[in-house]
Amino acid sequence: MIAPVGAPSFTEGLRAAAETFHSLKDTLKRKGYSTSVGDEGGFAPALKSNEEAMELLVSAITKAGYKPGHDIAINLDPAASESSKTDPMSSISLTTPSTPPAKWSRSGRTG
């Protein structure tokens, strides 16, 4: 998922998200991946790795003219309970982020 955290208004945020969505679609198409959209509006191509997914998102954000992490953030919803049927925590690495929690959200900037 993406979030237009640097947008000065809802309208500009919607525009940034739509431009990034179409940039990602073009990138996926160019690489030969499926661009079918699921029920929730997202792409679900069979990528080689999680790293490739992040690289494609960063590339799409940049190609749309935005700065990743500043104008548009990448949000994850990993469905962690599905990672391992026997031990859901077995493949999850828990780390402490270097950014303090007070800086995690920019919701005040979007409208």
PDB file of N, CA and C in Angstrom:
ATOM      1  N   MET A   1       0.847  -1.173   0.000  1.00  0.00           N
ATOM      2  CA  MET A   1       0.000   0.000   0.000  1.00  0.00           C
ATOM      3  C   MET A   1       0.887   1.229   0.000  1.00  0.00           C
ATOM      4  N   ILE A   2       0.344   2.287  -0.548  1.00  0.00           N
ATOM      5  CA  ILE A   2       1.058   3.556  -0.516  1.00  0.00           C
ATOM      6  C   ILE A   2       0.218   4.592   0.203  1.00  0.00           C
ATOM      7  N   ALA A   3       0.888   5.581   0.757  1.00  0.00           N
ATOM      8  CA  ALA A   3       0.200   6.663   1.460  1.00  0.00           C
ATOM      9  C   ALA A   3       0.870   7.978   1.066  1.00  0.00           C
ATOM     10  N   PRO A   4       0.111   8.909   0.521  1.00  0.00           N
ATOM     11  CA  PRO A   4       0.676  10.195   0.103  1.00  0.00           C
ATOM     12  C   PRO A   4       0.878  11.132   1.291  1.00  0.00           C
ATOM     13  N   VAL A   5       1.821  10.797   2.146  1.00  0.00           N
ATOM     14  CA  VAL A   5       2.023  11.514   3.409  1.00  0.00           C
ATOM     15  C   VAL A   5       2.517  12.947   3.241  1.00  0.00           C
ATOM     16  N   GLY A   6       3.080  13.284   2.105  1.00  0.00           N
ATOM     17  CA  GLY A   6       3.606  14.628   1.901  1.00  0.00           C
ATOM     18  C   GLY A   6       2.652  15.559   1.180  1.00  0.00           C
ATOM     19  N   ALA A   7       1.447  15.091   0.901  1.00  0.00           N
ATOM     20  CA  ALA A   7       0.490  15.913   0.157  1.00  0.00           C
ATOM     21  C   ALA A   7      -0.084  17.020   1.030  1.00  0.00           C
ATOM     22  N   PRO A   8      -0.204  18.221   0.482  1.00  0.00           N
ATOM     23  CA  PRO A   8      -0.738  19.342   1.258  1.00  0.00           C
ATOM     24  C   PRO A   8      -2.266  19.321   1.408  1.00  0.00           C
ATOM     25  N   SER A   9      -2.939  18.477   0.617  1.00  0.00           N
ATOM     26  CA  SER A   9      -4.398  18.403   0.702  1.00  0.00           C
ATOM     27  C   SER A   9      -4.853  17.014   0.272  1.00  0.00           C
ATOM     28  N   PHE A  10      -6.106  16.713   0.554  1.00  0.00           N
ATOM     29  CA  PHE A  10      -6.669  15.434   0.127  1.00  0.00           C
ATOM     30  C   PHE A  10      -6.615  15.302  -1.385  1.00  0.00           C
ATOM     31  N   THR A  11      -6.972  16.366  -2.088  1.00  0.00           N
ATOM     32  CA  THR A  11      -6.984  16.355  -3.551  1.00  0.00           C
ATOM     33  C   THR A  11      -5.609  16.026  -4.110  1.00  0.00           C
ATOM     34  N   GLU A  12      -4.578  16.667  -3.588  1.00  0.00           N
ATOM     35  CA  GLU A  12      -3.220  16.415  -4.060  1.00  0.00           C
ATOM     36  C   GLU A  12      -2.757  15.009  -3.676  1.00  0.00           C
ATOM     37  N   GLY A  13      -3.178  14.531  -2.518  1.00  0.00           N
ATOM     38  CA  GLY A  13      -2.844  13.173  -2.109  1.00  0.00           C
ATOM     39  C   GLY A  13      -3.473  12.136  -3.021  1.00  0.00           C
ATOM     40  N   LEU A  14      -4.721  12.357  -3.376  1.00  0.00           N
ATOM     41  CA  LEU A  14      -5.407  11.447  -4.290  1.00  0.00           C
ATOM     42  C   LEU A  14      -4.720  11.442  -5.646  1.00  0.00           C
ATOM     43  N   ARG A  15      -4.324  12.617  -6.109  1.00  0.00           N
ATOM     44  CA  ARG A  15      -3.625  12.718  -7.392  1.00  0.00           C
ATOM     45  C   ARG A  15      -2.300  11.950  -7.341  1.00  0.00           C
ATOM     46  N   ALA A  16      -1.530  12.144  -6.270  1.00  0.00           N
ATOM     47  CA  ALA A  16      -0.233  11.470  -6.130  1.00  0.00           C
ATOM     48  C   ALA A  16      -0.403   9.953  -6.094  1.00  0.00           C
ATOM     49  N   ALA A  17      -1.400   9.488  -5.358  1.00  0.00           N
ATOM     50  CA  ALA A  17      -1.653   8.041  -5.273  1.00  0.00           C
ATOM     51  C   ALA A  17      -2.068   7.482  -6.631  1.00  0.00           C
ATOM     52  N   ALA A  18      -2.940   8.181  -7.344  1.00  0.00           N
ATOM     53  CA  ALA A  18      -3.397   7.718  -8.659  1.00  0.00           C
ATOM     54  C   ALA A  18      -2.247   7.701  -9.664  1.00  0.00           C
ATOM     55  N   GLU A  19      -1.412   8.728  -9.640  1.00  0.00           N
ATOM     56  CA  GLU A  19      -0.269   8.775 -10.557  1.00  0.00           C
ATOM     57  C   GLU A  19       0.710   7.644 -10.256  1.00  0.00           C
ATOM     58  N   THR A  20       0.919   7.353  -8.991  1.00  0.00           N
ATOM     59  CA  THR A  20       1.815   6.261  -8.611  1.00  0.00           C
ATOM     60  C   THR A  20       1.216   4.915  -9.003  1.00  0.00           C
ATOM     61  N   PHE A  21      -0.083   4.748  -8.804  1.00  0.00           N
ATOM     62  CA  PHE A  21      -0.781   3.516  -9.192  1.00  0.00           C
ATOM     63  C   PHE A  21      -0.575   3.251 -10.688  1.00  0.00           C
ATOM     64  N   HIS A  22      -0.768   4.264 -11.514  1.00  0.00           N
ATOM     65  CA  HIS A  22      -0.618   4.090 -12.959  1.00  0.00           C
ATOM     66  C   HIS A  22       0.840   3.888 -13.357  1.00  0.00           C
ATOM     67  N   SER A  23       1.745   4.516 -12.641  1.00  0.00           N
ATOM     68  CA  SER A  23       3.168   4.296 -12.876  1.00  0.00           C
ATOM     69  C   SER A  23       3.539   2.848 -12.570  1.00  0.00           C
ATOM     70  N   LEU A  24       3.017   2.313 -11.459  1.00  0.00           N
ATOM     71  CA  LEU A  24       3.275   0.922 -11.096  1.00  0.00           C
ATOM     72  C   LEU A  24       2.686  -0.019 -12.141  1.00  0.00           C
ATOM     73  N   LYS A  25       1.492   0.275 -12.603  1.00  0.00           N
ATOM     74  CA  LYS A  25       0.858  -0.566 -13.635  1.00  0.00           C
ATOM     75  C   LYS A  25       1.729  -0.612 -14.884  1.00  0.00           C
ATOM     76  N   ASP A  26       2.227   0.545 -15.324  1.00  0.00           N
ATOM     77  CA  ASP A  26       3.101   0.591 -16.504  1.00  0.00           C
ATOM     78  C   ASP A  26       4.376  -0.218 -16.284  1.00  0.00           C
ATOM     79  N   THR A  27       4.958  -0.092 -15.092  1.00  0.00           N
ATOM     80  CA  THR A  27       6.180  -0.818 -14.771  1.00  0.00           C
ATOM     81  C   THR A  27       5.934  -2.326 -14.775  1.00  0.00           C
ATOM     82  N   LEU A  28       4.853  -2.760 -14.150  1.00  0.00           N
ATOM     83  CA  LEU A  28       4.521  -4.186 -14.127  1.00  0.00           C
ATOM     84  C   LEU A  28       4.301  -4.722 -15.536  1.00  0.00           C
ATOM     85  N   LYS A  29       3.576  -3.967 -16.337  1.00  0.00           N
ATOM     86  CA  LYS A  29       3.286  -4.366 -17.714  1.00  0.00           C
ATOM     87  C   LYS A  29       4.572  -4.512 -18.523  1.00  0.00           C
ATOM     88  N   ARG A  30       5.461  -3.526 -18.372  1.00  0.00           N
ATOM     89  CA  ARG A  30       6.728  -3.522 -19.100  1.00  0.00           C
ATOM     90  C   ARG A  30       7.593  -4.737 -18.713  1.00  0.00           C
ATOM     91  N   LYS A  31       7.497  -5.190 -17.478  1.00  0.00           N
ATOM     92  CA  LYS A  31       8.284  -6.331 -17.010  1.00  0.00           C
ATOM     93  C   LYS A  31       7.575  -7.665 -17.256  1.00  0.00           C
ATOM     94  N   GLY A  32       6.386  -7.618 -17.855  1.00  0.00           N
ATOM     95  CA  GLY A  32       5.670  -8.840 -18.192  1.00  0.00           C
ATOM     96  C   GLY A  32       4.838  -9.432 -17.073  1.00  0.00           C
ATOM     97  N   TYR A  33       4.583  -8.653 -16.027  1.00  0.00           N
ATOM     98  CA  TYR A  33       3.770  -9.128 -14.909  1.00  0.00           C
ATOM     99  C   TYR A  33       2.299  -8.820 -15.138  1.00  0.00           C
ATOM    100  N   SER A  34       1.451  -9.568 -14.457  1.00  0.00           N
ATOM    101  CA  SER A  34       0.012  -9.353 -14.514  1.00  0.00           C
ATOM    102  C   SER A  34      -0.341  -7.995 -13.911  1.00  0.00           C
ATOM    103  N   THR A  35      -1.299  -7.332 -14.536  1.00  0.00           N
ATOM    104  CA  THR A  35      -1.784  -6.061 -13.998  1.00  0.00           C
ATOM    105  C   THR A  35      -3.262  -6.150 -13.627  1.00  0.00           C
ATOM    106  N   SER A  36      -3.733  -7.370 -13.414  1.00  0.00           N
ATOM    107  CA  SER A  36      -5.104  -7.541 -12.941  1.00  0.00           C
ATOM    108  C   SER A  36      -5.211  -6.938 -11.552  1.00  0.00           C
ATOM    109  N   VAL A  37      -6.371  -6.373 -11.263  1.00  0.00           N
ATOM    110  CA  VAL A  37      -6.597  -5.731  -9.970  1.00  0.00           C
ATOM    111  C   VAL A  37      -7.583  -6.569  -9.170  1.00  0.00           C
ATOM    112  N   GLY A  38      -7.251  -6.809  -7.901  1.00  0.00           N
ATOM    113  CA  GLY A  38      -8.098  -7.612  -7.020  1.00  0.00           C
ATOM    114  C   GLY A  38      -9.248  -6.828  -6.430  1.00  0.00           C
ATOM    115  N   ASP A  39     -10.010  -7.487  -5.570  1.00  0.00           N
ATOM    116  CA  ASP A  39     -11.182  -6.879  -4.941  1.00  0.00           C
ATOM    117  C   ASP A  39     -10.858  -5.601  -4.180  1.00  0.00           C
ATOM    118  N   GLU A  40      -9.684  -5.542  -3.589  1.00  0.00           N
ATOM    119  CA  GLU A  40      -9.316  -4.381  -2.781  1.00  0.00           C
ATOM    120  C   GLU A  40      -8.595  -3.311  -3.589  1.00  0.00           C
ATOM    121  N   GLY A  41      -8.471  -3.514  -4.903  1.00  0.00           N
ATOM    122  CA  GLY A  41      -7.892  -2.496  -5.764  1.00  0.00           C
ATOM    123  C   GLY A  41      -6.401  -2.572  -5.968  1.00  0.00           C
ATOM    124  N   GLY A  42      -5.756  -3.619  -5.471  1.00  0.00           N
ATOM    125  CA  GLY A  42      -4.306  -3.727  -5.607  1.00  0.00           C
ATOM    126  C   GLY A  42      -3.887  -4.767  -6.619  1.00  0.00           C
ATOM    127  N   PHE A  43      -2.655  -4.649  -7.080  1.00  0.00           N
ATOM    128  CA  PHE A  43      -2.070  -5.632  -7.976  1.00  0.00           C
ATOM    129  C   PHE A  43      -1.567  -6.817  -7.152  1.00  0.00           C
ATOM    130  N   ALA A  44      -1.517  -7.988  -7.772  1.00  0.00           N
ATOM    131  CA  ALA A  44      -0.999  -9.177  -7.086  1.00  0.00           C
ATOM    132  C   ALA A  44      -0.196 -10.040  -8.052  1.00  0.00           C
ATOM    133  N   PRO A  45       0.834  -9.472  -8.667  1.00  0.00           N
ATOM    134  CA  PRO A  45       1.631 -10.265  -9.611  1.00  0.00           C
ATOM    135  C   PRO A  45       2.495 -11.289  -8.877  1.00  0.00           C
ATOM    136  N   ALA A  46       2.897 -12.323  -9.588  1.00  0.00           N
ATOM    137  CA  ALA A  46       3.774 -13.353  -9.018  1.00  0.00           C
ATOM    138  C   ALA A  46       5.218 -12.855  -9.129  1.00  0.00           C
ATOM    139  N   LEU A  47       5.656 -12.118  -8.117  1.00  0.00           N
ATOM    140  CA  LEU A  47       7.004 -11.543  -8.119  1.00  0.00           C
ATOM    141  C   LEU A  47       8.022 -12.562  -7.633  1.00  0.00           C
ATOM    142  N   LYS A  48       9.293 -12.273  -7.880  1.00  0.00           N
ATOM    143  CA  LYS A  48      10.372 -13.174  -7.481  1.00  0.00           C
ATOM    144  C   LYS A  48      10.664 -13.129  -5.985  1.00  0.00           C
ATOM    145  N   SER A  49      10.408 -11.961  -5.349  1.00  0.00           N
ATOM    146  CA  SER A  49      10.741 -11.811  -3.928  1.00  0.00           C
ATOM    147  C   SER A  49      10.027 -10.604  -3.340  1.00  0.00           C
ATOM    148  N   ASN A  50      10.051 -10.516  -2.011  1.00  0.00           N
ATOM    149  CA  ASN A  50       9.522  -9.336  -1.331  1.00  0.00           C
ATOM    150  C   ASN A  50      10.352  -8.103  -1.677  1.00  0.00           C
ATOM    151  N   GLU A  51      11.657  -8.307  -1.831  1.00  0.00           N
ATOM    152  CA  GLU A  51      12.539  -7.197  -2.179  1.00  0.00           C
ATOM    153  C   GLU A  51      12.164  -6.608  -3.535  1.00  0.00           C
ATOM    154  N   GLU A  52      11.815  -7.481  -4.489  1.00  0.00           N
ATOM    155  CA  GLU A  52      11.402  -6.989  -5.796  1.00  0.00           C
ATOM    156  C   GLU A  52      10.135  -6.148  -5.679  1.00  0.00           C
ATOM    157  N   ALA A  53       9.220  -6.547  -4.818  1.00  0.00           N
ATOM    158  CA  ALA A  53       7.994  -5.769  -4.615  1.00  0.00           C
ATOM    159  C   ALA A  53       8.325  -4.357  -4.136  1.00  0.00           C
ATOM    160  N   MET A  54       9.236  -4.266  -3.166  1.00  0.00           N
ATOM    161  CA  MET A  54       9.626  -2.947  -2.645  1.00  0.00           C
ATOM    162  C   MET A  54      10.345  -2.127  -3.712  1.00  0.00           C
ATOM    163  N   GLU A  55      11.212  -2.769  -4.481  1.00  0.00           N
ATOM    164  CA  GLU A  55      11.925  -2.071  -5.550  1.00  0.00           C
ATOM    165  C   GLU A  55      10.958  -1.529  -6.601  1.00  0.00           C
ATOM    166  N   LEU A  56       9.950  -2.327  -6.949  1.00  0.00           N
ATOM    167  CA  LEU A  56       8.956  -1.882  -7.935  1.00  0.00           C
ATOM    168  C   LEU A  56       8.146  -0.701  -7.406  1.00  0.00           C
ATOM    169  N   LEU A  57       7.775  -0.744  -6.130  1.00  0.00           N
ATOM    170  CA  LEU A  57       7.036   0.379  -5.547  1.00  0.00           C
ATOM    171  C   LEU A  57       7.878   1.653  -5.516  1.00  0.00           C
ATOM    172  N   VAL A  58       9.122   1.533  -5.081  1.00  0.00           N
ATOM    173  CA  VAL A  58      10.006   2.707  -5.029  1.00  0.00           C
ATOM    174  C   VAL A  58      10.201   3.265  -6.435  1.00  0.00           C
ATOM    175  N   SER A  59      10.399   2.393  -7.395  1.00  0.00           N
ATOM    176  CA  SER A  59      10.570   2.828  -8.786  1.00  0.00           C
ATOM    177  C   SER A  59       9.321   3.543  -9.297  1.00  0.00           C
ATOM    178  N   ALA A  60       8.152   2.986  -9.012  1.00  0.00           N
ATOM    179  CA  ALA A  60       6.896   3.600  -9.466  1.00  0.00           C
ATOM    180  C   ALA A  60       6.686   4.969  -8.830  1.00  0.00           C
ATOM    181  N   ILE A  61       6.995   5.094  -7.553  1.00  0.00           N
ATOM    182  CA  ILE A  61       6.858   6.382  -6.866  1.00  0.00           C
ATOM    183  C   ILE A  61       7.778   7.411  -7.516  1.00  0.00           C
ATOM    184  N   THR A  62       9.022   7.017  -7.761  1.00  0.00           N
ATOM    185  CA  THR A  62      10.002   7.914  -8.369  1.00  0.00           C
ATOM    186  C   THR A  62       9.597   8.301  -9.790  1.00  0.00           C
ATOM    187  N   LYS A  63       9.175   7.319 -10.590  1.00  0.00           N
ATOM    188  CA  LYS A  63       8.775   7.585 -11.975  1.00  0.00           C
ATOM    189  C   LYS A  63       7.540   8.471 -12.051  1.00  0.00           C
ATOM    190  N   ALA A  64       6.712   8.447 -11.014  1.00  0.00           N
ATOM    191  CA  ALA A  64       5.531   9.316 -10.974  1.00  0.00           C
ATOM    192  C   ALA A  64       5.910  10.747 -10.572  1.00  0.00           C
ATOM    193  N   GLY A  65       7.175  10.933 -10.194  1.00  0.00           N
ATOM    194  CA  GLY A  65       7.645  12.284  -9.869  1.00  0.00           C
ATOM    195  C   GLY A  65       7.650  12.604  -8.384  1.00  0.00           C
ATOM    196  N   TYR A  66       7.592  11.575  -7.542  1.00  0.00           N
ATOM    197  CA  TYR A  66       7.540  11.794  -6.099  1.00  0.00           C
ATOM    198  C   TYR A  66       8.765  11.186  -5.416  1.00  0.00           C
ATOM    199  N   LYS A  67       9.029  11.649  -4.207  1.00  0.00           N
ATOM    200  CA  LYS A  67      10.164  11.145  -3.433  1.00  0.00           C
ATOM    201  C   LYS A  67       9.662  10.092  -2.445  1.00  0.00           C
ATOM    202  N   PRO A  68      10.147   8.836  -2.606  1.00  0.00           N
ATOM    203  CA  PRO A  68       9.731   7.773  -1.681  1.00  0.00           C
ATOM    204  C   PRO A  68      10.108   8.108  -0.233  1.00  0.00           C
ATOM    205  N   GLY A  69       9.160   7.876   0.676  1.00  0.00           N
ATOM    206  CA  GLY A  69       9.407   8.125   2.089  1.00  0.00           C
ATOM    207  C   GLY A  69       9.182   9.566   2.504  1.00  0.00           C
ATOM    208  N   HIS A  70       9.099  10.450   1.560  1.00  0.00           N
ATOM    209  CA  HIS A  70       8.853  11.861   1.874  1.00  0.00           C
ATOM    210  C   HIS A  70       7.488  12.289   1.331  1.00  0.00           C
ATOM    211  N   ASP A  71       7.292  12.122   0.028  1.00  0.00           N
ATOM    212  CA  ASP A  71       6.002  12.452  -0.578  1.00  0.00           C
ATOM    213  C   ASP A  71       5.021  11.284  -0.441  1.00  0.00           C
ATOM    214  N   ILE A  72       5.542  10.093  -0.680  1.00  0.00           N
ATOM    215  CA  ILE A  72       4.704   8.896  -0.617  1.00  0.00           C
ATOM    216  C   ILE A  72       5.426   7.832   0.199  1.00  0.00           C
ATOM    217  N   ALA A  73       4.730   7.300   1.196  1.00  0.00           N
ATOM    218  CA  ALA A  73       5.280   6.239   2.040  1.00  0.00           C
ATOM    219  C   ALA A  73       4.733   4.897   1.579  1.00  0.00           C
ATOM    220  N   ILE A  74       5.474   3.848   1.878  1.00  0.00           N
ATOM    221  CA  ILE A  74       5.025   2.488   1.607  1.00  0.00           C
ATOM    222  C   ILE A  74       4.526   1.909   2.930  1.00  0.00           C
ATOM    223  N   ASN A  75       3.277   1.465   2.935  1.00  0.00           N
ATOM    224  CA  ASN A  75       2.671   0.852   4.121  1.00  0.00           C
ATOM    225  C   ASN A  75       2.519  -0.635   3.871  1.00  0.00           C
ATOM    226  N   LEU A  76       2.802  -1.426   4.883  1.00  0.00           N
ATOM    227  CA  LEU A  76       2.709  -2.872   4.741  1.00  0.00           C
ATOM    228  C   LEU A  76       1.578  -3.436   5.588  1.00  0.00           C
ATOM    229  N   ASP A  77       0.891  -4.415   5.042  1.00  0.00           N
ATOM    230  CA  ASP A  77      -0.123  -5.190   5.749  1.00  0.00           C
ATOM    231  C   ASP A  77       0.222  -6.649   5.456  1.00  0.00           C
ATOM    232  N   PRO A  78       1.199  -7.192   6.195  1.00  0.00           N
ATOM    233  CA  PRO A  78       1.779  -8.485   5.814  1.00  0.00           C
ATOM    234  C   PRO A  78       0.954  -9.729   6.092  1.00  0.00           C
ATOM    235  N   ALA A  79      -0.204  -9.620   6.697  1.00  0.00           N
ATOM    236  CA  ALA A  79      -0.995 -10.806   7.053  1.00  0.00           C
ATOM    237  C   ALA A  79      -0.090 -11.823   7.737  1.00  0.00           C
ATOM    238  N   ALA A  80       0.555 -11.374   8.795  1.00  0.00           N
ATOM    239  CA  ALA A  80       1.589 -12.154   9.474  1.00  0.00           C
ATOM    240  C   ALA A  80       1.104 -13.515   9.960  1.00  0.00           C
ATOM    241  N   SER A  81      -0.165 -13.641  10.265  1.00  0.00           N
ATOM    242  CA  SER A  81      -0.658 -14.935  10.740  1.00  0.00           C
ATOM    243  C   SER A  81      -0.595 -15.993   9.643  1.00  0.00           C
ATOM    244  N   GLU A  82      -0.445 -15.564   8.396  1.00  0.00           N
ATOM    245  CA  GLU A  82      -0.360 -16.504   7.287  1.00  0.00           C
ATOM    246  C   GLU A  82       1.074 -16.917   6.973  1.00  0.00           C
ATOM    247  N   SER A  83       2.061 -16.320   7.643  1.00  0.00           N
ATOM    248  CA  SER A  83       3.457 -16.599   7.313  1.00  0.00           C
ATOM    249  C   SER A  83       3.867 -18.022   7.652  1.00  0.00           C
ATOM    250  N   SER A  84       3.287 -18.595   8.660  1.00  0.00           N
ATOM    251  CA  SER A  84       3.590 -19.975   9.033  1.00  0.00           C
ATOM    252  C   SER A  84       2.383 -20.545   9.760  1.00  0.00           C
ATOM    253  N   LYS A  85       1.871 -21.634   9.262  1.00  0.00           N
ATOM    254  CA  LYS A  85       0.681 -22.219   9.873  1.00  0.00           C
ATOM    255  C   LYS A  85       0.975 -22.812  11.257  1.00  0.00           C
ATOM    256  N   THR A  86       2.201 -23.277  11.478  1.00  0.00           N
ATOM    257  CA  THR A  86       2.512 -23.901  12.759  1.00  0.00           C
ATOM    258  C   THR A  86       2.990 -22.899  13.803  1.00  0.00           C
ATOM    259  N   ASP A  87       3.731 -21.884  13.389  1.00  0.00           N
ATOM    260  CA  ASP A  87       4.259 -20.888  14.318  1.00  0.00           C
ATOM    261  C   ASP A  87       4.276 -19.531  13.620  1.00  0.00           C
ATOM    262  N   PRO A  88       3.211 -18.730  13.780  1.00  0.00           N
ATOM    263  CA  PRO A  88       3.119 -17.462  13.067  1.00  0.00           C
ATOM    264  C   PRO A  88       4.315 -16.526  13.256  1.00  0.00           C
ATOM    265  N   MET A  89       5.038 -16.649  14.359  1.00  0.00           N
ATOM    266  CA  MET A  89       6.160 -15.740  14.592  1.00  0.00           C
ATOM    267  C   MET A  89       7.490 -16.289  14.080  1.00  0.00           C
ATOM    268  N   SER A  90       7.489 -17.469  13.488  1.00  0.00           N
ATOM    269  CA  SER A  90       8.743 -18.120  13.121  1.00  0.00           C
ATOM    270  C   SER A  90       9.534 -17.381  12.054  1.00  0.00           C
ATOM    271  N   SER A  91       8.878 -16.680  11.163  1.00  0.00           N
ATOM    272  CA  SER A  91       9.617 -16.026  10.082  1.00  0.00           C
ATOM    273  C   SER A  91       9.537 -14.506  10.152  1.00  0.00           C
ATOM    274  N   ILE A  92       9.196 -13.980  11.299  1.00  0.00           N
ATOM    275  CA  ILE A  92       9.094 -12.535  11.454  1.00  0.00           C
ATOM    276  C   ILE A  92      10.262 -12.043  12.294  1.00  0.00           C
ATOM    277  N   SER A  93      10.978 -11.079  11.758  1.00  0.00           N
ATOM    278  CA  SER A  93      12.094 -10.490  12.489  1.00  0.00           C
ATOM    279  C   SER A  93      11.613  -9.202  13.138  1.00  0.00           C
ATOM    280  N   LEU A  94      11.648  -9.146  14.437  1.00  0.00           N
ATOM    281  CA  LEU A  94      11.213  -7.957  15.148  1.00  0.00           C
ATOM    282  C   LEU A  94      12.419  -7.085  15.462  1.00  0.00           C
ATOM    283  N   THR A  95      12.380  -5.851  15.003  1.00  0.00           N
ATOM    284  CA  THR A  95      13.472  -4.927  15.268  1.00  0.00           C
ATOM    285  C   THR A  95      12.907  -3.612  15.775  1.00  0.00           C
ATOM    286  N   THR A  96      13.734  -2.833  16.390  1.00  0.00           N
ATOM    287  CA  THR A  96      13.337  -1.520  16.862  1.00  0.00           C
ATOM    288  C   THR A  96      13.677  -0.507  15.774  1.00  0.00           C
ATOM    289  N   PRO A  97      12.700   0.258  15.304  1.00  0.00           N
ATOM    290  CA  PRO A  97      12.997   1.236  14.255  1.00  0.00           C
ATOM    291  C   PRO A  97      13.892   2.357  14.792  1.00  0.00           C
ATOM    292  N   SER A  98      14.727   2.898  13.922  1.00  0.00           N
ATOM    293  CA  SER A  98      15.625   3.972  14.342  1.00  0.00           C
ATOM    294  C   SER A  98      14.904   5.324  14.389  1.00  0.00           C
ATOM    295  N   THR A  99      13.761   5.423  13.720  1.00  0.00           N
ATOM    296  CA  THR A  99      12.986   6.658  13.742  1.00  0.00           C
ATOM    297  C   THR A  99      12.061   6.649  14.956  1.00  0.00           C
ATOM    298  N   PRO A 100      12.079   7.710  15.766  1.00  0.00           N
ATOM    299  CA  PRO A 100      11.203   7.737  16.940  1.00  0.00           C
ATOM    300  C   PRO A 100       9.725   7.749  16.535  1.00  0.00           C
ATOM    301  N   PRO A 101       8.859   7.125  17.322  1.00  0.00           N
ATOM    302  CA  PRO A 101       7.433   7.041  16.994  1.00  0.00           C
ATOM    303  C   PRO A 101       6.783   8.381  16.688  1.00  0.00           C
ATOM    304  N   ALA A 102       7.228   9.441  17.297  1.00  0.00           N
ATOM    305  CA  ALA A 102       6.632  10.759  17.059  1.00  0.00           C
ATOM    306  C   ALA A 102       6.769  11.192  15.601  1.00  0.00           C
ATOM    307  N   LYS A 103       7.716  10.622  14.880  1.00  0.00           N
ATOM    308  CA  LYS A 103       7.937  11.001  13.479  1.00  0.00           C
ATOM    309  C   LYS A 103       7.338  10.005  12.490  1.00  0.00           C
ATOM    310  N   TRP A 104       6.651   8.955  12.977  1.00  0.00           N
ATOM    311  CA  TRP A 104       6.110   7.944  12.083  1.00  0.00           C
ATOM    312  C   TRP A 104       4.949   8.442  11.256  1.00  0.00           C
ATOM    313  N   SER A 105       4.156   9.361  11.743  1.00  0.00           N
ATOM    314  CA  SER A 105       2.956   9.810  11.043  1.00  0.00           C
ATOM    315  C   SER A 105       3.057  11.277  10.681  1.00  0.00           C
ATOM    316  N   ARG A 106       2.565  11.579   9.502  1.00  0.00           N
ATOM    317  CA  ARG A 106       2.503  12.973   9.072  1.00  0.00           C
ATOM    318  C   ARG A 106       1.059  13.360   8.797  1.00  0.00           C
ATOM    319  N   SER A 107       0.123  12.703   9.468  1.00  0.00           N
ATOM    320  CA  SER A 107      -1.291  12.901   9.169  1.00  0.00           C
ATOM    321  C   SER A 107      -1.712  14.358   9.289  1.00  0.00           C
ATOM    322  N   GLY A 108      -1.063  15.128  10.116  1.00  0.00           N
ATOM    323  CA  GLY A 108      -1.397  16.537  10.244  1.00  0.00           C
ATOM    324  C   GLY A 108      -1.109  17.340   9.005  1.00  0.00           C
ATOM    325  N   ARG A 109      -0.244  16.838   8.124  1.00  0.00           N
ATOM    326  CA  ARG A 109       0.138  17.571   6.919  1.00  0.00           C
ATOM    327  C   ARG A 109      -0.821  17.365   5.776  1.00  0.00           C
ATOM    328  N   THR A 110      -1.729  16.382   5.858  1.00  0.00           N
ATOM    329  CA  THR A 110      -2.556  16.040   4.709  1.00  0.00           C
ATOM    330  C   THR A 110      -3.924  16.689   4.719  1.00  0.00           C
ATOM    331  N   GLY A 111      -4.197  17.555   5.597  1.00  0.00           N
ATOM    332  CA  GLY A 111      -5.464  18.222   5.451  1.00  0.00           C
ATOM    333  C   GLY A 111      -6.139  18.548   6.660  1.00  0.00           C
TER     334      GLY A 111
END
